[in-house]
Protein backbone atom coordinates (compact mmCIF):
# COMPACT_ATOMS: atom_id res chain seq x y z
CA MET A 1 8.98 -0.27 -0.61
CA GLN A 2 6.70 2.09 1.26
CA ASN A 3 5.00 0.80 4.37
CA PRO A 4 1.20 0.76 4.72
CA GLU A 5 1.26 3.57 7.26
CA TRP A 6 2.88 5.91 4.74
CA ILE A 7 0.32 5.41 1.99
CA GLY A 8 -2.51 5.34 4.52
CA SER A 9 -1.44 8.64 6.04
CA VAL A 10 -1.24 10.21 2.58
CA ILE A 11 -4.74 9.02 1.73
CA ARG A 12 -6.08 10.29 5.06
CA GLN A 13 -4.41 13.69 4.63
CA LEU A 14 -5.72 14.12 1.09
CA ARG A 15 -9.21 13.09 2.18
CA TRP A 16 -9.16 15.55 5.10
CA GLU A 17 -7.94 18.36 2.84
CA ARG A 18 -10.99 17.78 0.65
CA LYS A 19 -13.23 17.55 3.72
CA TRP A 20 -14.45 14.15 2.53
CA THR A 21 -15.76 11.43 4.79
CA VAL A 22 -14.57 7.87 4.36
CA GLN A 23 -18.06 7.06 3.09
CA HIS A 24 -17.84 9.77 0.42
CA LEU A 25 -14.40 8.59 -0.72
CA GLY A 26 -15.73 5.04 -0.81
CA GLY A 27 -18.60 6.13 -3.03
CA VAL A 28 -16.34 8.06 -5.39
CA SER A 29 -13.66 5.36 -5.59
CA GLY A 30 -15.88 2.29 -5.52
CA ILE A 31 -13.91 0.93 -2.54
CA HIS A 32 -15.71 -0.13 0.63
CA PRO A 33 -15.30 2.52 3.37
CA GLN A 34 -14.10 -0.07 5.88
CA THR A 35 -11.29 -1.03 3.50
CA ILE A 36 -10.28 2.63 3.20
CA MET A 37 -10.27 2.99 7.00
CA ARG A 38 -8.03 -0.07 7.34
CA ILE A 39 -5.60 1.29 4.76
CA GLU A 40 -5.56 4.69 6.47
CA ASN A 41 -4.77 3.20 9.88
CA GLY A 42 -2.17 0.80 8.46
CA SER A 43 -3.92 -2.42 9.44
CA ARG A 44 -4.34 -3.38 5.78
CA HIS A 45 -1.96 -2.87 2.86
CA GLY A 46 -4.52 -2.78 0.09
CA ASN A 47 -3.68 -4.21 -3.29
CA THR A 48 -2.39 -2.09 -6.14
CA GLN A 49 -5.81 -1.78 -7.76
CA THR A 50 -7.45 -0.64 -4.52
CA ILE A 51 -4.77 1.96 -3.78
CA ALA A 52 -4.90 3.21 -7.38
CA ALA A 53 -8.70 3.56 -7.28
CA VAL A 54 -8.56 5.58 -4.05
CA LEU A 55 -5.73 7.80 -5.30
CA TYR A 56 -7.47 8.38 -8.65
CA ALA A 57 -10.63 9.40 -6.76
CA LEU A 58 -8.52 11.89 -4.80
CA ASP A 59 -6.85 13.18 -8.01
CA ALA A 60 -3.53 12.26 -6.46
CA PHE A 61 -2.29 9.18 -8.33
CA LEU A 62 0.50 10.99 -10.18
CA LEU A 63 1.51 12.97 -7.09
CA VAL A 64 2.08 9.79 -5.09
CA LEU A 65 3.75 8.03 -8.02
CA LEU A 66 6.22 10.89 -8.44
CA HIS A 67 6.95 10.96 -4.73
CA GLY A 68 7.70 7.22 -4.82
CA LEU A 69 10.01 7.62 -7.80
CA ILE A 70 11.91 10.43 -6.08
CA GLN A 71 12.30 8.30 -2.95
CA LEU A 72 13.58 5.41 -5.06
CA GLN A 73 16.07 7.66 -6.83
CA LEU A 74 17.35 8.98 -3.50
CA ALA A 75 17.72 5.46 -2.14
CA LEU A 76 19.68 4.38 -5.21
CA ARG A 77 21.99 7.36 -4.88
CA LEU A 78 22.64 6.58 -1.23
CA ALA A 79 23.36 2.96 -2.10
CA LEU A 80 26.01 4.06 -4.58
CA LEU A 81 27.86 6.19 -2.02
């Protein structure tokens, strides 16, 4: 399972690349900006629906899902060695 810092850093990076403020992302995603800030800094995990809403707003849901699946596949391969 990914830790909150990983998903938070991905959200922050994607937001910065778009030159969006936390307030703008909150408006687009429907998630309170303070919740987004807490996820970005790792102090809050965020539930699946919250993370999905933020990633959809950033047009990055599938990107992050694929990354997670690749990481899982690599972990399974290492476990079989």
